[in-house]
Amino acid sequence: MGNRMVIALGGNAIQLGNGSTAAEQREACYHTAEQLVSIIRNGYEIVLAHGNGPQVGNIILQNQISQCEKLPAMPLDTCGAMSQGMIGYWLQSALYEVFKQQGIEKETVTILTQVQVDKEDQAFQNPTKPIGSFYTKEEADKLQEEKGYTMVEDAGRGFRRVVASPKPINIIEKNVINSLLNQQVVVVATGGGGIPVTICGSHLEGVEAVIDKDFASEKLAELVDAETLLILTAVEKVAINYGKDNEQWLSELSVEEAEEYIKEKHFAPGSMLPKIEAAITFAKSKPGRKVIITSLDKANVAVEGRTGTVISA
């Protein structure tokens, strides 16, 4: 078929629950590979993007616990790179095993992906993305004074550091990813939204920020000229009036309808809203492009048009 698709994996595709061990998370990746193999069999050229929230949070916590003068904590961009490598390894291993079991002649590779952001992005003036541990008020004040962190109270559970969540404007490794796709390689890229970097002349500088996975996946889909962006989340379809008596599950959405539902505040920030916003951007970026939102277990039948929510211009 030759169709090109970016698949954005939600956290449930990797993490089986809070405190999951490496073995449990690898098992989740194996289940993910089993679910996706039918799509790959059908001739799609696939890029897998994924979240990293729990994993990078654990890396940050491990850094904090073990840090000392001889073992300083790593910065956020480096922690993000660590999580990309770790999760990419798990996914590569799982896909290798499933391909061998099912006689599929495919190779998989993870690209440590740097995503360019604008140093003037207004998100840097208003950090909103919580990361890391919870702290007492006294601990938070000390971190704010000593390290310059922005600390906020989080739903009565304590104080957390928040960082900027700028929009992606380019992917540094896009040409490499395109080249691999042309060779029919399954590529894992932009893990956790990618490593946020700014360009200063000939220098790439990592920044203390977190790029939303869905926005990064959308930018990736544009840059590899994908026909479809498949966003996998916890629900089979998108709903309006979610959780209410008049809840309505949607099979199709036009860009105009989606924009109207956003104005009516049907989609929760930090949950479904960024997925819908990313879907609108991708659907509008080129004629014929579409977005499918569904659950991991329904991915194959959604691609076949039998479930999920399709968003198109």
C-alpha atoms as a PDB file:
ATOM      1  CA  MET A   1       0.000   0.000   0.000  1.00  0.00           C
ATOM      2  CA  GLY A   2       2.842   2.411   0.784  1.00  0.00           C
ATOM      3  CA  ASN A   3       0.701   4.534   3.120  1.00  0.00           C
ATOM      4  CA  ARG A   4       2.710   6.358   5.743  1.00  0.00           C
ATOM      5  CA  MET A   5       1.410   6.580   9.302  1.00  0.00           C
ATOM      6  CA  VAL A   6       2.582   8.068  12.577  1.00  0.00           C
ATOM      7  CA  ILE A   7       1.257   6.207  15.617  1.00  0.00           C
ATOM      8  CA  ALA A   8       1.274   8.153  18.897  1.00  0.00           C
ATOM      9  CA  LEU A   9       1.260   5.726  21.808  1.00  0.00           C
ATOM     10  CA  GLY A  10      -0.329   6.786  25.083  1.00  0.00           C
ATOM     11  CA  GLY A  11       1.150   5.957  28.458  1.00  0.00           C
ATOM     12  CA  ASN A  12      -1.016   2.842  28.830  1.00  0.00           C
ATOM     13  CA  ALA A  13       0.901   1.300  25.925  1.00  0.00           C
ATOM     14  CA  ILE A  14       4.051   1.243  28.061  1.00  0.00           C
ATOM     15  CA  GLN A  15       3.100   1.535  31.722  1.00  0.00           C
ATOM     16  CA  LEU A  16       0.785  -1.009  33.350  1.00  0.00           C
ATOM     17  CA  GLY A  17       0.285   1.105  36.456  1.00  0.00           C
ATOM     18  CA  ASN A  18       2.068   3.319  38.935  1.00  0.00           C
ATOM     19  CA  GLY A  19       5.304   1.784  40.122  1.00  0.00           C
ATOM     20  CA  SER A  20       5.549  -0.686  37.247  1.00  0.00           C
ATOM     21  CA  THR A  21       8.860  -2.528  37.100  1.00  0.00           C
ATOM     22  CA  ALA A  22      11.051  -2.619  34.011  1.00  0.00           C
ATOM     23  CA  ALA A  23       9.880  -6.188  33.353  1.00  0.00           C
ATOM     24  CA  GLU A  24       6.231  -5.130  33.585  1.00  0.00           C
ATOM     25  CA  GLN A  25       6.777  -2.201  31.260  1.00  0.00           C
ATOM     26  CA  ARG A  26       8.571  -4.429  28.762  1.00  0.00           C
ATOM     27  CA  GLU A  27       5.578  -6.767  28.900  1.00  0.00           C
ATOM     28  CA  ALA A  28       3.307  -3.807  28.133  1.00  0.00           C
ATOM     29  CA  CYS A  29       5.506  -2.974  25.126  1.00  0.00           C
ATOM     30  CA  TYR A  30       5.202  -6.569  23.928  1.00  0.00           C
ATOM     31  CA  HIS A  31       1.394  -6.310  24.140  1.00  0.00           C
ATOM     32  CA  THR A  32       1.630  -3.060  22.161  1.00  0.00           C
ATOM     33  CA  ALA A  33       3.730  -4.741  19.465  1.00  0.00           C
ATOM     34  CA  GLU A  34       1.159  -7.540  19.174  1.00  0.00           C
ATOM     35  CA  GLN A  35      -1.626  -4.995  18.702  1.00  0.00           C
ATOM     36  CA  LEU A  36       0.237  -3.056  16.014  1.00  0.00           C
ATOM     37  CA  VAL A  37       1.583  -5.935  13.943  1.00  0.00           C
ATOM     38  CA  SER A  38      -1.543  -6.231  11.774  1.00  0.00           C
ATOM     39  CA  ILE A  39      -1.207  -2.590  10.728  1.00  0.00           C
ATOM     40  CA  ILE A  40       2.416  -3.186   9.781  1.00  0.00           C
ATOM     41  CA  ARG A  41       1.461  -6.375   7.895  1.00  0.00           C
ATOM     42  CA  ASN A  42      -0.946  -4.332   5.769  1.00  0.00           C
ATOM     43  CA  GLY A  43       1.909  -2.382   4.222  1.00  0.00           C
ATOM     44  CA  TYR A  44       1.925   0.842   6.215  1.00  0.00           C
ATOM     45  CA  GLU A  45       5.205   2.658   6.710  1.00  0.00           C
ATOM     46  CA  ILE A  46       5.194   3.251  10.452  1.00  0.00           C
ATOM     47  CA  VAL A  47       6.740   5.732  12.842  1.00  0.00           C
ATOM     48  CA  LEU A  48       6.008   5.100  16.518  1.00  0.00           C
ATOM     49  CA  ALA A  49       5.939   8.058  18.886  1.00  0.00           C
ATOM     50  CA  HIS A  50       5.318   7.557  22.595  1.00  0.00           C
ATOM     51  CA  GLY A  51       4.860   9.257  25.926  1.00  0.00           C
ATOM     52  CA  ASN A  52       7.404   9.090  28.743  1.00  0.00           C
ATOM     53  CA  GLY A  53       5.753  10.815  31.717  1.00  0.00           C
ATOM     54  CA  PRO A  54       6.073   8.089  34.361  1.00  0.00           C
ATOM     55  CA  GLN A  55       9.472   6.931  33.107  1.00  0.00           C
ATOM     56  CA  VAL A  56      11.165  10.335  32.970  1.00  0.00           C
ATOM     57  CA  GLY A  57       9.575  11.150  36.344  1.00  0.00           C
ATOM     58  CA  ASN A  58      11.264   8.064  37.812  1.00  0.00           C
ATOM     59  CA  ILE A  59      14.597   9.030  36.246  1.00  0.00           C
ATOM     60  CA  ILE A  60      14.343  12.515  37.759  1.00  0.00           C
ATOM     61  CA  LEU A  61      13.465  11.030  41.161  1.00  0.00           C
ATOM     62  CA  GLN A  62      16.390   8.587  40.984  1.00  0.00           C
ATOM     63  CA  ASN A  63      18.667  11.519  40.134  1.00  0.00           C
ATOM     64  CA  GLN A  64      17.393  13.476  43.123  1.00  0.00           C
ATOM     65  CA  ILE A  65      17.793  10.593  45.560  1.00  0.00           C
ATOM     66  CA  SER A  66      21.323   9.662  44.468  1.00  0.00           C
ATOM     67  CA  GLN A  67      22.798  13.078  43.762  1.00  0.00           C
ATOM     68  CA  CYS A  68      25.822  14.256  45.707  1.00  0.00           C
ATOM     69  CA  GLU A  69      28.935  16.293  44.989  1.00  0.00           C
ATOM     70  CA  LYS A  70      30.521  13.405  43.073  1.00  0.00           C
ATOM     71  CA  LEU A  71      27.277  12.377  41.357  1.00  0.00           C
ATOM     72  CA  PRO A  72      25.358  15.505  40.269  1.00  0.00           C
ATOM     73  CA  ALA A  73      21.791  15.219  38.970  1.00  0.00           C
ATOM     74  CA  MET A  74      21.355  15.329  35.204  1.00  0.00           C
ATOM     75  CA  PRO A  75      19.379  18.203  33.593  1.00  0.00           C
ATOM     76  CA  LEU A  76      15.845  17.654  32.312  1.00  0.00           C
ATOM     77  CA  ASP A  77      16.774  17.420  28.623  1.00  0.00           C
ATOM     78  CA  THR A  78      19.300  14.678  29.412  1.00  0.00           C
ATOM     79  CA  CYS A  79      16.740  12.810  31.526  1.00  0.00           C
ATOM     80  CA  GLY A  80      14.384  12.962  28.541  1.00  0.00           C
ATOM     81  CA  ALA A  81      17.106  11.482  26.333  1.00  0.00           C
ATOM     82  CA  MET A  82      17.597   8.672  28.861  1.00  0.00           C
ATOM     83  CA  SER A  83      13.896   7.825  28.758  1.00  0.00           C
ATOM     84  CA  GLN A  84      13.877   7.850  24.936  1.00  0.00           C
ATOM     85  CA  GLY A  85      16.663   5.300  24.844  1.00  0.00           C
ATOM     86  CA  MET A  86      15.097   3.114  27.517  1.00  0.00           C
ATOM     87  CA  ILE A  87      11.597   2.999  26.041  1.00  0.00           C
ATOM     88  CA  GLY A  88      12.958   2.723  22.491  1.00  0.00           C
ATOM     89  CA  TYR A  89      14.965  -0.304  23.584  1.00  0.00           C
ATOM     90  CA  TRP A  90      11.863  -1.934  25.059  1.00  0.00           C
ATOM     91  CA  LEU A  91       9.808  -1.280  21.910  1.00  0.00           C
ATOM     92  CA  GLN A  92      12.569  -2.442  19.565  1.00  0.00           C
ATOM     93  CA  SER A  93      12.996  -5.647  21.548  1.00  0.00           C
ATOM     94  CA  ALA A  94       9.245  -6.314  21.590  1.00  0.00           C
ATOM     95  CA  LEU A  95       8.832  -5.678  17.853  1.00  0.00           C
ATOM     96  CA  TYR A  96      11.862  -7.861  17.054  1.00  0.00           C
ATOM     97  CA  GLU A  97      10.291 -10.747  18.982  1.00  0.00           C
ATOM     98  CA  VAL A  98       6.830 -10.355  17.427  1.00  0.00           C
ATOM     99  CA  PHE A  99       8.257 -10.015  13.915  1.00  0.00           C
ATOM    100  CA  LYS A 100      10.296 -13.212  14.367  1.00  0.00           C
ATOM    101  CA  GLN A 101       7.295 -15.098  15.763  1.00  0.00           C
ATOM    102  CA  GLN A 102       5.095 -14.074  12.846  1.00  0.00           C
ATOM    103  CA  GLY A 103       7.651 -14.371  10.053  1.00  0.00           C
ATOM    104  CA  ILE A 104       7.742 -10.653   9.229  1.00  0.00           C
ATOM    105  CA  GLU A 105      10.923  -9.406   7.557  1.00  0.00           C
ATOM    106  CA  LYS A 106      11.143  -5.987   9.180  1.00  0.00           C
ATOM    107  CA  GLU A 107      13.733  -4.067  11.131  1.00  0.00           C
ATOM    108  CA  THR A 108      13.131  -1.512  13.874  1.00  0.00           C
ATOM    109  CA  VAL A 109      15.327   1.350  15.042  1.00  0.00           C
ATOM    110  CA  THR A 110      15.017   4.112  17.632  1.00  0.00           C
ATOM    111  CA  ILE A 111      16.113   7.627  16.708  1.00  0.00           C
ATOM    112  CA  LEU A 112      17.130   9.791  19.636  1.00  0.00           C
ATOM    113  CA  THR A 113      15.085  12.783  18.518  1.00  0.00           C
ATOM    114  CA  GLN A 114      15.769  16.468  19.114  1.00  0.00           C
ATOM    115  CA  VAL A 115      12.799  18.768  18.576  1.00  0.00           C
ATOM    116  CA  GLN A 116      13.368  22.442  17.923  1.00  0.00           C
ATOM    117  CA  VAL A 117      11.363  24.995  19.884  1.00  0.00           C
ATOM    118  CA  ASP A 118      11.330  28.782  19.709  1.00  0.00           C
ATOM    119  CA  LYS A 119      13.289  30.383  22.547  1.00  0.00           C
ATOM    120  CA  GLU A 120      10.750  33.240  22.381  1.00  0.00           C
ATOM    121  CA  ASP A 121       7.761  30.905  22.823  1.00  0.00           C
ATOM    122  CA  GLN A 122       5.417  32.450  25.400  1.00  0.00           C
ATOM    123  CA  ALA A 123       5.278  29.091  27.197  1.00  0.00           C
ATOM    124  CA  PHE A 124       8.674  29.916  28.731  1.00  0.00           C
ATOM    125  CA  GLN A 125       7.045  32.886  30.476  1.00  0.00           C
ATOM    126  CA  ASN A 126       4.262  30.693  31.890  1.00  0.00           C
ATOM    127  CA  PRO A 127       5.527  27.223  32.941  1.00  0.00           C
ATOM    128  CA  THR A 128       2.618  24.797  33.396  1.00  0.00           C
ATOM    129  CA  LYS A 129       3.945  21.229  33.029  1.00  0.00           C
ATOM    130  CA  PRO A 130       4.476  19.494  36.405  1.00  0.00           C
ATOM    131  CA  ILE A 131       7.472  17.184  36.722  1.00  0.00           C
ATOM    132  CA  GLY A 132       9.195  15.246  39.458  1.00  0.00           C
ATOM    133  CA  SER A 133       8.418  14.794  43.132  1.00  0.00           C
ATOM    134  CA  PHE A 134       6.056  16.462  45.572  1.00  0.00           C
ATOM    135  CA  TYR A 135       7.583  18.815  48.158  1.00  0.00           C
ATOM    136  CA  THR A 136       6.523  20.609  51.299  1.00  0.00           C
ATOM    137  CA  LYS A 137       6.137  24.391  51.203  1.00  0.00           C
ATOM    138  CA  GLU A 138       9.493  24.805  52.939  1.00  0.00           C
ATOM    139  CA  GLU A 139      11.272  22.469  50.519  1.00  0.00           C
ATOM    140  CA  ALA A 140       9.639  24.183  47.544  1.00  0.00           C
ATOM    141  CA  ASP A 141      10.710  27.626  48.741  1.00  0.00           C
ATOM    142  CA  LYS A 142      14.289  26.401  49.145  1.00  0.00           C
ATOM    143  CA  LEU A 143      14.380  24.920  45.624  1.00  0.00           C
ATOM    144  CA  GLN A 144      12.901  28.085  44.199  1.00  0.00           C
ATOM    145  CA  GLU A 145      15.556  30.196  45.927  1.00  0.00           C
ATOM    146  CA  GLU A 146      18.568  27.935  45.310  1.00  0.00           C
ATOM    147  CA  LYS A 147      17.828  26.571  41.835  1.00  0.00           C
ATOM    148  CA  GLY A 148      15.411  29.114  40.402  1.00  0.00           C
ATOM    149  CA  TYR A 149      12.699  26.507  39.868  1.00  0.00           C
ATOM    150  CA  THR A 150       9.069  27.527  39.452  1.00  0.00           C
ATOM    151  CA  MET A 151       7.130  25.642  42.138  1.00  0.00           C
ATOM    152  CA  VAL A 152       3.343  25.411  42.383  1.00  0.00           C
ATOM    153  CA  GLU A 153       0.849  23.766  44.719  1.00  0.00           C
ATOM    154  CA  ASP A 154      -0.664  20.661  43.087  1.00  0.00           C
ATOM    155  CA  ALA A 155      -4.232  19.766  44.095  1.00  0.00           C
ATOM    156  CA  GLY A 156      -3.514  19.639  47.817  1.00  0.00           C
ATOM    157  CA  ARG A 157      -0.849  16.956  47.400  1.00  0.00           C
ATOM    158  CA  GLY A 158       2.134  19.246  47.905  1.00  0.00           C
ATOM    159  CA  PHE A 159       4.308  21.449  45.710  1.00  0.00           C
ATOM    160  CA  ARG A 160       5.840  20.420  42.389  1.00  0.00           C
ATOM    161  CA  ARG A 161       8.213  21.951  39.916  1.00  0.00           C
ATOM    162  CA  VAL A 162       6.613  23.147  36.670  1.00  0.00           C
ATOM    163  CA  VAL A 163       8.435  23.749  33.389  1.00  0.00           C
ATOM    164  CA  ALA A 164       7.500  25.256  30.056  1.00  0.00           C
ATOM    165  CA  SER A 165       5.659  23.258  27.387  1.00  0.00           C
ATOM    166  CA  PRO A 166       6.571  25.030  24.129  1.00  0.00           C
ATOM    167  CA  LYS A 167       5.207  24.068  20.711  1.00  0.00           C
ATOM    168  CA  PRO A 168       7.487  22.103  18.357  1.00  0.00           C
ATOM    169  CA  ILE A 169       8.575  23.926  15.205  1.00  0.00           C
ATOM    170  CA  ASN A 170      10.978  21.429  13.620  1.00  0.00           C
ATOM    171  CA  ILE A 171      12.533  18.000  14.108  1.00  0.00           C
ATOM    172  CA  ILE A 172      16.301  17.941  13.720  1.00  0.00           C
ATOM    173  CA  GLU A 173      16.480  14.290  12.612  1.00  0.00           C
ATOM    174  CA  LYS A 174      13.588  14.445  10.110  1.00  0.00           C
ATOM    175  CA  ASN A 175      15.752  13.569   7.095  1.00  0.00           C
ATOM    176  CA  VAL A 176      17.187  10.497   8.803  1.00  0.00           C
ATOM    177  CA  ILE A 177      13.677   9.356   9.786  1.00  0.00           C
ATOM    178  CA  ASN A 178      12.433   9.836   6.208  1.00  0.00           C
ATOM    179  CA  SER A 179      15.383   7.897   4.827  1.00  0.00           C
ATOM    180  CA  LEU A 180      14.700   4.956   7.148  1.00  0.00           C
ATOM    181  CA  LEU A 181      11.003   4.941   6.261  1.00  0.00           C
ATOM    182  CA  ASN A 182      11.922   4.815   2.576  1.00  0.00           C
ATOM    183  CA  GLN A 183      13.875   1.638   3.425  1.00  0.00           C
ATOM    184  CA  GLN A 184      10.742   0.123   5.064  1.00  0.00           C
ATOM    185  CA  VAL A 185      12.241   0.327   8.563  1.00  0.00           C
ATOM    186  CA  VAL A 186       9.828   0.749  11.496  1.00  0.00           C
ATOM    187  CA  VAL A 187      11.070   3.855  13.303  1.00  0.00           C
ATOM    188  CA  VAL A 188      10.602   4.843  16.956  1.00  0.00           C
ATOM    189  CA  ALA A 189      10.988   8.626  17.243  1.00  0.00           C
ATOM    190  CA  THR A 190      10.078  11.785  19.209  1.00  0.00           C
ATOM    191  CA  GLY A 191       9.716   9.793  22.415  1.00  0.00           C
ATOM    192  CA  GLY A 192       8.176  11.868  25.196  1.00  0.00           C
ATOM    193  CA  GLY A 193       7.647  14.719  22.750  1.00  0.00           C
ATOM    194  CA  GLY A 194      11.336  14.732  21.847  1.00  0.00           C
ATOM    195  CA  ILE A 195      14.293  16.452  23.480  1.00  0.00           C
ATOM    196  CA  PRO A 196      13.498  20.194  23.338  1.00  0.00           C
ATOM    197  CA  VAL A 197      16.342  22.207  21.820  1.00  0.00           C
ATOM    198  CA  THR A 198      16.919  25.707  20.529  1.00  0.00           C
ATOM    199  CA  ILE A 199      19.345  26.599  17.743  1.00  0.00           C
ATOM    200  CA  CYS A 200      22.063  29.126  18.516  1.00  0.00           C
ATOM    201  CA  GLY A 201      24.151  29.475  15.348  1.00  0.00           C
ATOM    202  CA  SER A 202      25.765  26.068  14.842  1.00  0.00           C
ATOM    203  CA  HIS A 203      24.929  24.985  18.403  1.00  0.00           C
ATOM    204  CA  LEU A 204      21.938  22.959  19.601  1.00  0.00           C
ATOM    205  CA  GLU A 205      21.095  23.792  23.198  1.00  0.00           C
ATOM    206  CA  GLY A 206      18.838  21.577  25.293  1.00  0.00           C
ATOM    207  CA  VAL A 207      16.256  23.465  27.329  1.00  0.00           C
ATOM    208  CA  GLU A 208      14.412  22.733  30.569  1.00  0.00           C
ATOM    209  CA  ALA A 209      11.002  22.046  29.028  1.00  0.00           C
ATOM    210  CA  VAL A 210       8.590  19.274  28.077  1.00  0.00           C
ATOM    211  CA  ILE A 211       6.972  19.177  24.631  1.00  0.00           C
ATOM    212  CA  ASP A 212       3.480  17.694  24.495  1.00  0.00           C
ATOM    213  CA  LYS A 213       3.642  14.235  22.879  1.00  0.00           C
ATOM    214  CA  ASP A 214       0.583  14.831  20.701  1.00  0.00           C
ATOM    215  CA  PHE A 215       1.913  18.115  19.271  1.00  0.00           C
ATOM    216  CA  ALA A 216       5.312  16.529  18.611  1.00  0.00           C
ATOM    217  CA  SER A 217       3.651  13.543  16.902  1.00  0.00           C
ATOM    218  CA  GLU A 218       1.647  15.920  14.716  1.00  0.00           C
ATOM    219  CA  LYS A 219       4.761  17.832  13.674  1.00  0.00           C
ATOM    220  CA  LEU A 220       6.513  14.537  12.942  1.00  0.00           C
ATOM    221  CA  ALA A 221       3.558  13.374  10.821  1.00  0.00           C
ATOM    222  CA  GLU A 222       3.759  16.569   8.767  1.00  0.00           C
ATOM    223  CA  LEU A 223       7.513  16.331   8.257  1.00  0.00           C
ATOM    224  CA  VAL A 224       7.469  12.701   7.079  1.00  0.00           C
ATOM    225  CA  ASP A 225       4.464  13.463   4.835  1.00  0.00           C
ATOM    226  CA  ALA A 226       2.207  10.910   6.529  1.00  0.00           C
ATOM    227  CA  GLU A 227      -1.343  10.369   5.327  1.00  0.00           C
ATOM    228  CA  THR A 228      -2.601   9.310   8.752  1.00  0.00           C
ATOM    229  CA  LEU A 229      -1.904  10.222  12.363  1.00  0.00           C
ATOM    230  CA  LEU A 230      -3.170   7.490  14.697  1.00  0.00           C
ATOM    231  CA  ILE A 231      -3.463   8.691  18.301  1.00  0.00           C
ATOM    232  CA  LEU A 232      -3.897   5.851  20.788  1.00  0.00           C
ATOM    233  CA  THR A 233      -5.373   6.693  24.158  1.00  0.00           C
ATOM    234  CA  ALA A 234      -7.528   5.158  26.918  1.00  0.00           C
ATOM    235  CA  VAL A 235     -10.891   5.350  25.112  1.00  0.00           C
ATOM    236  CA  GLU A 236     -12.236   3.785  21.908  1.00  0.00           C
ATOM    237  CA  LYS A 237     -13.775   7.023  20.632  1.00  0.00           C
ATOM    238  CA  VAL A 238     -13.870  10.737  21.395  1.00  0.00           C
ATOM    239  CA  ALA A 239     -16.908  11.877  23.392  1.00  0.00           C
ATOM    240  CA  ILE A 240     -18.693  15.130  24.078  1.00  0.00           C
ATOM    241  CA  ASN A 241     -20.398  15.637  27.447  1.00  0.00           C
ATOM    242  CA  TYR A 242     -17.988  12.984  28.692  1.00  0.00           C
ATOM    243  CA  GLY A 243     -19.129  11.278  31.900  1.00  0.00           C
ATOM    244  CA  LYS A 244     -22.534  12.995  31.863  1.00  0.00           C
ATOM    245  CA  ASP A 245     -26.028  11.625  31.276  1.00  0.00           C
ATOM    246  CA  ASN A 246     -26.020  13.051  27.737  1.00  0.00           C
ATOM    247  CA  GLU A 247     -22.586  11.647  26.853  1.00  0.00           C
ATOM    248  CA  GLN A 248     -22.202  11.148  23.098  1.00  0.00           C
ATOM    249  CA  TRP A 249     -19.488   9.096  21.386  1.00  0.00           C
ATOM    250  CA  LEU A 250     -18.369  10.403  17.989  1.00  0.00           C
ATOM    251  CA  SER A 251     -17.333   8.369  14.943  1.00  0.00           C
ATOM    252  CA  GLU A 252     -16.510  11.312  12.684  1.00  0.00           C
ATOM    253  CA  LEU A 253     -15.571  14.930  13.281  1.00  0.00           C
ATOM    254  CA  SER A 254     -14.911  17.705  10.808  1.00  0.00           C
ATOM    255  CA  VAL A 255     -12.299  20.307  11.678  1.00  0.00           C
ATOM    256  CA  GLU A 256     -15.068  22.874  12.070  1.00  0.00           C
ATOM    257  CA  GLU A 257     -17.035  20.654  14.459  1.00  0.00           C
ATOM    258  CA  ALA A 258     -13.921  19.922  16.501  1.00  0.00           C
ATOM    259  CA  GLU A 259     -13.115  23.633  16.781  1.00  0.00           C
ATOM    260  CA  GLU A 260     -16.659  24.353  17.932  1.00  0.00           C
ATOM    261  CA  TYR A 261     -16.509  21.616  20.580  1.00  0.00           C
ATOM    262  CA  ILE A 262     -13.248  23.123  21.852  1.00  0.00           C
ATOM    263  CA  LYS A 263     -14.974  26.500  22.230  1.00  0.00           C
ATOM    264  CA  GLU A 264     -17.736  24.746  24.183  1.00  0.00           C
ATOM    265  CA  LYS A 265     -15.034  23.233  26.476  1.00  0.00           C
ATOM    266  CA  HIS A 266     -15.932  19.595  25.853  1.00  0.00           C
ATOM    267  CA  PHE A 267     -12.312  18.389  26.049  1.00  0.00           C
ATOM    268  CA  ALA A 268     -10.198  18.378  29.197  1.00  0.00           C
ATOM    269  CA  PRO A 269      -6.856  20.222  29.147  1.00  0.00           C
ATOM    270  CA  GLY A 270      -3.941  17.825  29.565  1.00  0.00           C
ATOM    271  CA  SER A 271      -6.121  14.925  28.418  1.00  0.00           C
ATOM    272  CA  MET A 272      -8.249  14.949  25.245  1.00  0.00           C
ATOM    273  CA  LEU A 273      -7.804  18.635  24.383  1.00  0.00           C
ATOM    274  CA  PRO A 274      -4.195  18.445  23.062  1.00  0.00           C
ATOM    275  CA  LYS A 275      -5.141  15.394  21.003  1.00  0.00           C
ATOM    276  CA  ILE A 276      -8.000  17.277  19.342  1.00  0.00           C
ATOM    277  CA  GLU A 277      -5.839  20.362  18.806  1.00  0.00           C
ATOM    278  CA  ALA A 278      -3.095  18.246  17.233  1.00  0.00           C
ATOM    279  CA  ALA A 279      -5.695  16.486  15.079  1.00  0.00           C
ATOM    280  CA  ILE A 280      -7.056  19.798  13.784  1.00  0.00           C
ATOM    281  CA  THR A 281      -3.568  21.028  12.900  1.00  0.00           C
ATOM    282  CA  PHE A 282      -2.689  17.853  11.005  1.00  0.00           C
ATOM    283  CA  ALA A 283      -6.010  17.584   9.167  1.00  0.00           C
ATOM    284  CA  LYS A 284      -5.647  21.196   7.979  1.00  0.00           C
ATOM    285  CA  SER A 285      -1.988  20.848   6.978  1.00  0.00           C
ATOM    286  CA  LYS A 286      -2.596  19.126   3.616  1.00  0.00           C
ATOM    287  CA  PRO A 287      -5.646  17.851   1.683  1.00  0.00           C
ATOM    288  CA  GLY A 288      -6.445  14.196   2.307  1.00  0.00           C
ATOM    289  CA  ARG A 289      -4.796  13.918   5.697  1.00  0.00           C
ATOM    290  CA  LYS A 290      -6.771  12.434   8.580  1.00  0.00           C
ATOM    291  CA  VAL A 291      -6.444  11.614  12.245  1.00  0.00           C
ATOM    292  CA  ILE A 292      -7.839   8.539  13.996  1.00  0.00           C
ATOM    293  CA  ILE A 293      -8.259   8.590  17.781  1.00  0.00           C
ATOM    294  CA  THR A 294      -8.938   5.262  19.482  1.00  0.00           C
ATOM    295  CA  SER A 295      -7.625   2.817  22.091  1.00  0.00           C
ATOM    296  CA  LEU A 296      -4.609   0.549  21.680  1.00  0.00           C
ATOM    297  CA  ASP A 297      -6.715  -2.612  21.638  1.00  0.00           C
ATOM    298  CA  LYS A 298      -8.900  -1.198  18.845  1.00  0.00           C
ATOM    299  CA  ALA A 299      -6.059   0.201  16.727  1.00  0.00           C
ATOM    300  CA  ASN A 300      -6.266  -2.343  13.928  1.00  0.00           C
ATOM    301  CA  VAL A 301     -10.061  -2.223  13.472  1.00  0.00           C
ATOM    302  CA  ALA A 302      -9.969   1.579  13.704  1.00  0.00           C
ATOM    303  CA  VAL A 303      -7.467   1.748  10.836  1.00  0.00           C
ATOM    304  CA  GLU A 304      -9.864  -0.480   8.883  1.00  0.00           C
ATOM    305  CA  GLY A 305     -12.622   2.109   9.504  1.00  0.00           C
ATOM    306  CA  ARG A 306     -14.719   0.009  11.900  1.00  0.00           C
ATOM    307  CA  THR A 307     -14.324   2.055  15.086  1.00  0.00           C
ATOM    308  CA  GLY A 308     -12.525   5.082  16.523  1.00  0.00           C
ATOM    309  CA  THR A 309     -13.068   8.765  15.805  1.00  0.00           C
ATOM    310  CA  VAL A 310     -11.874  10.099  12.446  1.00  0.00           C
ATOM    311  CA  ILE A 311     -11.065  13.809  12.200  1.00  0.00           C
ATOM    312  CA  SER A 312     -10.589  15.317   8.750  1.00  0.00           C
ATOM    313  CA  ALA A 313     -10.908  18.620   6.931  1.00  0.00           C
END
